[in-house]
Amino acid sequence: MFFANTQPPPYYAVNFTSQRMDKESDSYYKAPDLMVELASKQPGFLGVKSAREQNGLGITVSYRGSLDTIAQWKENLSQQRAQEKGKKDWYSSCITHICKLERDYANEGA
């Protein structure tokens, strides 16, 4: 299992939850890898994890060191284009939550 290499708390999680439309799109399958590649080059990026169910419901969690680095990513033109395309072509609905993580726990041996 993959876990993000985060810093000691506090840090932030940007939770993106989406419901895919039924139509297939080659550009959809390329976009997440490109966005992670771009995001990982920005200051404050700590990691990302993502899961999608067969019914199209997906959750991606991106970890960031500060609210400033989240705002900087939101201003990235490539990210803005992908977001617009997602709302238009890929998702029937989506929402983003930004959460401050005060503590994290590892389940040793679980």
N, C-alpha and C. Protein backbone atom coordinates (compact mmCIF):
# COMPACT_ATOMS: atom_id res chain seq x y z
N MET A 1 0.84 -1.18 0.00
CA MET A 1 0.00 0.00 0.00
C MET A 1 0.88 1.24 0.00
N PHE A 2 0.49 2.25 -0.75
CA PHE A 2 1.25 3.48 -0.87
C PHE A 2 0.74 4.51 0.13
N PHE A 3 1.65 5.12 0.87
CA PHE A 3 1.32 6.22 1.76
C PHE A 3 2.16 7.42 1.37
N ALA A 4 1.58 8.61 1.48
CA ALA A 4 2.31 9.83 1.17
C ALA A 4 3.40 10.05 2.21
N ASN A 5 4.50 10.60 1.79
CA ASN A 5 5.61 10.91 2.68
C ASN A 5 5.40 12.30 3.26
N THR A 6 4.56 12.41 4.28
CA THR A 6 4.18 13.70 4.82
C THR A 6 5.18 14.18 5.86
N GLN A 7 5.04 15.42 6.24
CA GLN A 7 5.86 16.01 7.29
C GLN A 7 5.15 15.83 8.62
N PRO A 8 5.81 16.09 9.74
CA PRO A 8 5.09 16.05 11.01
C PRO A 8 3.97 17.09 11.00
N PRO A 9 2.82 16.77 11.60
CA PRO A 9 1.71 17.72 11.63
C PRO A 9 2.11 19.01 12.35
N PRO A 10 1.43 20.09 12.04
CA PRO A 10 0.27 20.18 11.14
C PRO A 10 0.70 20.30 9.67
N TYR A 11 -0.19 19.81 8.82
CA TYR A 11 -0.09 20.00 7.37
C TYR A 11 -1.51 19.91 6.85
N TYR A 12 -1.68 19.97 5.55
CA TYR A 12 -3.02 20.06 4.97
C TYR A 12 -3.29 18.93 3.99
N ALA A 13 -4.56 18.56 3.92
CA ALA A 13 -5.03 17.58 2.94
C ALA A 13 -6.07 18.27 2.06
N VAL A 14 -5.88 18.16 0.75
CA VAL A 14 -6.86 18.65 -0.20
C VAL A 14 -7.58 17.41 -0.72
N ASN A 15 -8.84 17.25 -0.33
CA ASN A 15 -9.63 16.07 -0.68
C ASN A 15 -10.53 16.40 -1.87
N PHE A 16 -10.29 15.75 -2.99
CA PHE A 16 -11.09 15.94 -4.19
C PHE A 16 -11.93 14.69 -4.39
N THR A 17 -13.24 14.85 -4.31
CA THR A 17 -14.17 13.74 -4.50
C THR A 17 -14.94 14.00 -5.79
N SER A 18 -15.04 12.98 -6.64
CA SER A 18 -15.70 13.17 -7.93
C SER A 18 -16.52 11.94 -8.31
N GLN A 19 -17.53 12.20 -9.14
CA GLN A 19 -18.32 11.14 -9.74
C GLN A 19 -18.11 11.22 -11.25
N ARG A 20 -17.51 10.18 -11.81
CA ARG A 20 -17.23 10.15 -13.26
C ARG A 20 -18.51 10.03 -14.06
N MET A 21 -18.52 10.68 -15.23
CA MET A 21 -19.57 10.45 -16.22
C MET A 21 -19.32 9.09 -16.84
N ASP A 22 -20.29 8.56 -17.51
CA ASP A 22 -20.16 7.23 -18.11
C ASP A 22 -19.27 7.20 -19.34
N LYS A 23 -19.10 8.34 -20.01
CA LYS A 23 -18.34 8.32 -21.26
C LYS A 23 -16.84 8.18 -21.01
N GLU A 24 -16.18 7.47 -21.88
CA GLU A 24 -14.73 7.25 -21.79
C GLU A 24 -13.99 8.39 -22.48
N SER A 25 -12.78 8.65 -21.99
CA SER A 25 -11.97 9.72 -22.56
C SER A 25 -10.50 9.41 -22.36
N ASP A 26 -9.74 9.38 -23.45
CA ASP A 26 -8.29 9.14 -23.34
C ASP A 26 -7.63 10.25 -22.53
N SER A 27 -8.10 11.48 -22.71
CA SER A 27 -7.48 12.60 -21.99
C SER A 27 -7.68 12.47 -20.48
N TYR A 28 -8.78 11.85 -20.06
CA TYR A 28 -9.02 11.66 -18.63
C TYR A 28 -7.93 10.77 -18.02
N TYR A 29 -7.56 9.73 -18.70
CA TYR A 29 -6.60 8.78 -18.15
C TYR A 29 -5.17 9.35 -18.10
N LYS A 30 -4.88 10.32 -18.93
CA LYS A 30 -3.56 10.94 -18.93
C LYS A 30 -3.45 12.07 -17.91
N ALA A 31 -4.54 12.74 -17.63
CA ALA A 31 -4.54 13.94 -16.79
C ALA A 31 -4.04 13.71 -15.37
N PRO A 32 -4.48 12.67 -14.66
CA PRO A 32 -4.02 12.52 -13.28
C PRO A 32 -2.51 12.37 -13.15
N ASP A 33 -1.90 11.58 -14.02
CA ASP A 33 -0.45 11.41 -13.96
C ASP A 33 0.27 12.72 -14.23
N LEU A 34 -0.23 13.49 -15.20
CA LEU A 34 0.37 14.78 -15.51
C LEU A 34 0.22 15.75 -14.34
N MET A 35 -0.94 15.77 -13.72
CA MET A 35 -1.17 16.68 -12.60
C MET A 35 -0.27 16.33 -11.41
N VAL A 36 -0.10 15.05 -11.12
CA VAL A 36 0.78 14.63 -10.03
C VAL A 36 2.22 15.00 -10.35
N GLU A 37 2.63 14.79 -11.60
CA GLU A 37 3.99 15.16 -12.00
C GLU A 37 4.23 16.66 -11.80
N LEU A 38 3.29 17.49 -12.24
CA LEU A 38 3.43 18.93 -12.08
C LEU A 38 3.38 19.35 -10.61
N ALA A 39 2.43 18.79 -9.88
CA ALA A 39 2.27 19.16 -8.46
C ALA A 39 3.50 18.78 -7.65
N SER A 40 4.10 17.64 -7.97
CA SER A 40 5.25 17.17 -7.20
C SER A 40 6.46 18.07 -7.35
N LYS A 41 6.47 18.91 -8.37
CA LYS A 41 7.58 19.84 -8.59
C LYS A 41 7.37 21.17 -7.87
N GLN A 42 6.20 21.34 -7.28
CA GLN A 42 5.91 22.61 -6.60
C GLN A 42 6.31 22.53 -5.13
N PRO A 43 6.79 23.66 -4.59
CA PRO A 43 7.13 23.69 -3.16
C PRO A 43 5.90 23.33 -2.31
N GLY A 44 6.14 22.61 -1.23
CA GLY A 44 5.06 22.28 -0.30
C GLY A 44 4.30 21.01 -0.61
N PHE A 45 4.55 20.40 -1.77
CA PHE A 45 3.88 19.14 -2.11
C PHE A 45 4.45 18.02 -1.26
N LEU A 46 3.58 17.29 -0.57
CA LEU A 46 4.03 16.21 0.32
C LEU A 46 3.66 14.82 -0.20
N GLY A 47 2.71 14.74 -1.10
CA GLY A 47 2.32 13.44 -1.62
C GLY A 47 0.86 13.42 -2.03
N VAL A 48 0.46 12.30 -2.62
CA VAL A 48 -0.91 12.15 -3.09
C VAL A 48 -1.28 10.68 -3.05
N LYS A 49 -2.55 10.42 -2.83
CA LYS A 49 -3.09 9.06 -2.96
C LYS A 49 -4.48 9.16 -3.55
N SER A 50 -4.89 8.12 -4.26
CA SER A 50 -6.14 8.20 -4.99
C SER A 50 -6.78 6.81 -5.09
N ALA A 51 -8.11 6.80 -5.12
CA ALA A 51 -8.84 5.54 -5.30
C ALA A 51 -10.12 5.84 -6.08
N ARG A 52 -10.53 4.87 -6.91
CA ARG A 52 -11.77 5.02 -7.66
C ARG A 52 -12.50 3.69 -7.66
N GLU A 53 -13.80 3.76 -7.40
CA GLU A 53 -14.64 2.56 -7.43
C GLU A 53 -15.13 2.30 -8.84
N GLN A 54 -15.62 1.09 -9.07
CA GLN A 54 -16.13 0.72 -10.39
C GLN A 54 -17.33 1.57 -10.80
N ASN A 55 -18.07 2.09 -9.82
CA ASN A 55 -19.23 2.91 -10.15
C ASN A 55 -18.84 4.35 -10.51
N GLY A 56 -17.53 4.67 -10.52
CA GLY A 56 -17.07 5.97 -10.94
C GLY A 56 -16.80 6.96 -9.83
N LEU A 57 -17.12 6.61 -8.59
CA LEU A 57 -16.84 7.49 -7.46
C LEU A 57 -15.35 7.44 -7.16
N GLY A 58 -14.71 8.61 -7.08
CA GLY A 58 -13.29 8.65 -6.81
C GLY A 58 -12.94 9.68 -5.75
N ILE A 59 -11.85 9.41 -5.04
CA ILE A 59 -11.32 10.34 -4.05
C ILE A 59 -9.81 10.43 -4.24
N THR A 60 -9.32 11.65 -4.37
CA THR A 60 -7.89 11.91 -4.43
C THR A 60 -7.55 12.85 -3.29
N VAL A 61 -6.53 12.50 -2.53
CA VAL A 61 -6.07 13.32 -1.41
C VAL A 61 -4.65 13.76 -1.72
N SER A 62 -4.46 15.07 -1.78
CA SER A 62 -3.15 15.66 -2.00
C SER A 62 -2.72 16.32 -0.70
N TYR A 63 -1.50 16.04 -0.28
CA TYR A 63 -1.00 16.60 0.98
C TYR A 63 -0.07 17.77 0.68
N ARG A 64 -0.27 18.85 1.42
CA ARG A 64 0.48 20.09 1.23
C ARG A 64 0.96 20.62 2.57
N GLY A 65 2.07 21.35 2.53
CA GLY A 65 2.66 21.87 3.75
C GLY A 65 2.00 23.10 4.31
N SER A 66 1.30 23.87 3.46
CA SER A 66 0.70 25.12 3.93
C SER A 66 -0.47 25.53 3.04
N LEU A 67 -1.26 26.45 3.56
CA LEU A 67 -2.36 27.00 2.76
C LEU A 67 -1.82 27.80 1.57
N ASP A 68 -0.66 28.44 1.75
CA ASP A 68 -0.05 29.20 0.65
C ASP A 68 0.28 28.29 -0.53
N THR A 69 0.81 27.10 -0.26
CA THR A 69 1.17 26.20 -1.37
C THR A 69 -0.08 25.64 -2.05
N ILE A 70 -1.17 25.52 -1.29
CA ILE A 70 -2.45 25.10 -1.90
C ILE A 70 -2.94 26.20 -2.84
N ALA A 71 -2.86 27.45 -2.39
CA ALA A 71 -3.29 28.57 -3.22
C ALA A 71 -2.44 28.69 -4.48
N GLN A 72 -1.14 28.46 -4.34
CA GLN A 72 -0.25 28.52 -5.51
C GLN A 72 -0.63 27.46 -6.54
N TRP A 73 -0.95 26.26 -6.08
CA TRP A 73 -1.35 25.19 -7.00
C TRP A 73 -2.67 25.53 -7.68
N LYS A 74 -3.58 26.13 -6.94
CA LYS A 74 -4.87 26.52 -7.52
C LYS A 74 -4.68 27.52 -8.65
N GLU A 75 -3.62 28.32 -8.61
CA GLU A 75 -3.34 29.31 -9.64
C GLU A 75 -2.56 28.75 -10.84
N ASN A 76 -2.11 27.51 -10.76
CA ASN A 76 -1.36 26.89 -11.84
C ASN A 76 -2.26 26.73 -13.07
N LEU A 77 -1.82 27.25 -14.21
CA LEU A 77 -2.65 27.24 -15.41
C LEU A 77 -2.99 25.84 -15.91
N SER A 78 -2.04 24.93 -15.86
CA SER A 78 -2.32 23.55 -16.28
C SER A 78 -3.36 22.91 -15.38
N GLN A 79 -3.26 23.17 -14.09
CA GLN A 79 -4.24 22.64 -13.14
C GLN A 79 -5.61 23.25 -13.41
N GLN A 80 -5.66 24.55 -13.70
CA GLN A 80 -6.93 25.21 -13.98
C GLN A 80 -7.59 24.63 -15.23
N ARG A 81 -6.79 24.37 -16.27
CA ARG A 81 -7.33 23.78 -17.50
C ARG A 81 -7.89 22.38 -17.24
N ALA A 82 -7.15 21.58 -16.48
CA ALA A 82 -7.62 20.23 -16.16
C ALA A 82 -8.90 20.30 -15.33
N GLN A 83 -8.97 21.24 -14.42
CA GLN A 83 -10.18 21.39 -13.59
C GLN A 83 -11.38 21.77 -14.46
N GLU A 84 -11.20 22.69 -15.39
CA GLU A 84 -12.29 23.09 -16.29
C GLU A 84 -12.74 21.91 -17.16
N LYS A 85 -11.77 21.18 -17.70
CA LYS A 85 -12.10 20.01 -18.54
C LYS A 85 -12.84 18.96 -17.72
N GLY A 86 -12.39 18.76 -16.48
CA GLY A 86 -13.06 17.80 -15.62
C GLY A 86 -14.51 18.15 -15.38
N LYS A 87 -14.78 19.40 -15.07
CA LYS A 87 -16.16 19.84 -14.81
C LYS A 87 -17.02 19.73 -16.06
N LYS A 88 -16.39 19.94 -17.23
CA LYS A 88 -17.14 19.93 -18.50
C LYS A 88 -17.31 18.52 -19.06
N ASP A 89 -16.22 17.71 -19.03
CA ASP A 89 -16.22 16.45 -19.78
C ASP A 89 -16.13 15.17 -18.96
N TRP A 90 -15.58 15.23 -17.74
CA TRP A 90 -15.29 13.99 -17.04
C TRP A 90 -16.19 13.69 -15.85
N TYR A 91 -16.64 14.73 -15.13
CA TYR A 91 -17.36 14.51 -13.87
C TYR A 91 -18.78 15.02 -13.93
N SER A 92 -19.69 14.23 -13.41
CA SER A 92 -21.07 14.71 -13.27
C SER A 92 -21.19 15.56 -12.01
N SER A 93 -20.31 15.34 -11.05
CA SER A 93 -20.24 16.20 -9.87
C SER A 93 -18.87 16.03 -9.22
N CYS A 94 -18.44 17.09 -8.52
CA CYS A 94 -17.17 17.03 -7.81
C CYS A 94 -17.15 18.09 -6.72
N ILE A 95 -16.33 17.86 -5.72
CA ILE A 95 -16.19 18.80 -4.61
C ILE A 95 -14.77 18.68 -4.06
N THR A 96 -14.26 19.80 -3.57
CA THR A 96 -12.94 19.82 -2.97
C THR A 96 -13.07 20.32 -1.53
N HIS A 97 -12.44 19.61 -0.61
CA HIS A 97 -12.37 20.01 0.79
C HIS A 97 -10.90 20.21 1.16
N ILE A 98 -10.63 21.24 1.93
CA ILE A 98 -9.29 21.48 2.44
C ILE A 98 -9.34 21.31 3.95
N CYS A 99 -8.49 20.42 4.45
CA CYS A 99 -8.51 20.07 5.87
C CYS A 99 -7.13 20.27 6.48
N LYS A 100 -7.09 20.82 7.67
CA LYS A 100 -5.84 20.93 8.41
C LYS A 100 -5.69 19.68 9.26
N LEU A 101 -4.58 18.98 9.09
CA LEU A 101 -4.33 17.76 9.86
C LEU A 101 -3.50 18.13 11.08
N GLU A 102 -4.08 17.92 12.23
CA GLU A 102 -3.41 18.23 13.50
C GLU A 102 -2.58 17.06 14.02
N ARG A 103 -3.04 15.84 13.73
CA ARG A 103 -2.35 14.64 14.18
C ARG A 103 -2.48 13.58 13.11
N ASP A 104 -1.51 12.67 13.10
CA ASP A 104 -1.66 11.45 12.30
C ASP A 104 -1.14 10.28 13.12
N TYR A 105 -1.71 9.13 12.86
CA TYR A 105 -1.36 7.93 13.59
C TYR A 105 -1.06 6.82 12.60
N ALA A 106 -0.08 6.03 12.90
CA ALA A 106 0.21 4.84 12.09
C ALA A 106 -0.29 3.63 12.87
N ASN A 107 -0.98 2.76 12.18
CA ASN A 107 -1.48 1.53 12.80
C ASN A 107 -0.42 0.45 12.65
N GLU A 108 0.53 0.47 13.54
CA GLU A 108 1.62 -0.51 13.52
C GLU A 108 1.06 -1.91 13.68
N GLY A 109 1.40 -2.77 12.74
CA GLY A 109 1.02 -4.17 12.85
C GLY A 109 -0.43 -4.45 12.57
N ALA A 110 -1.19 -3.47 12.14
CA ALA A 110 -2.62 -3.69 11.90
C ALA A 110 -2.83 -4.27 10.52
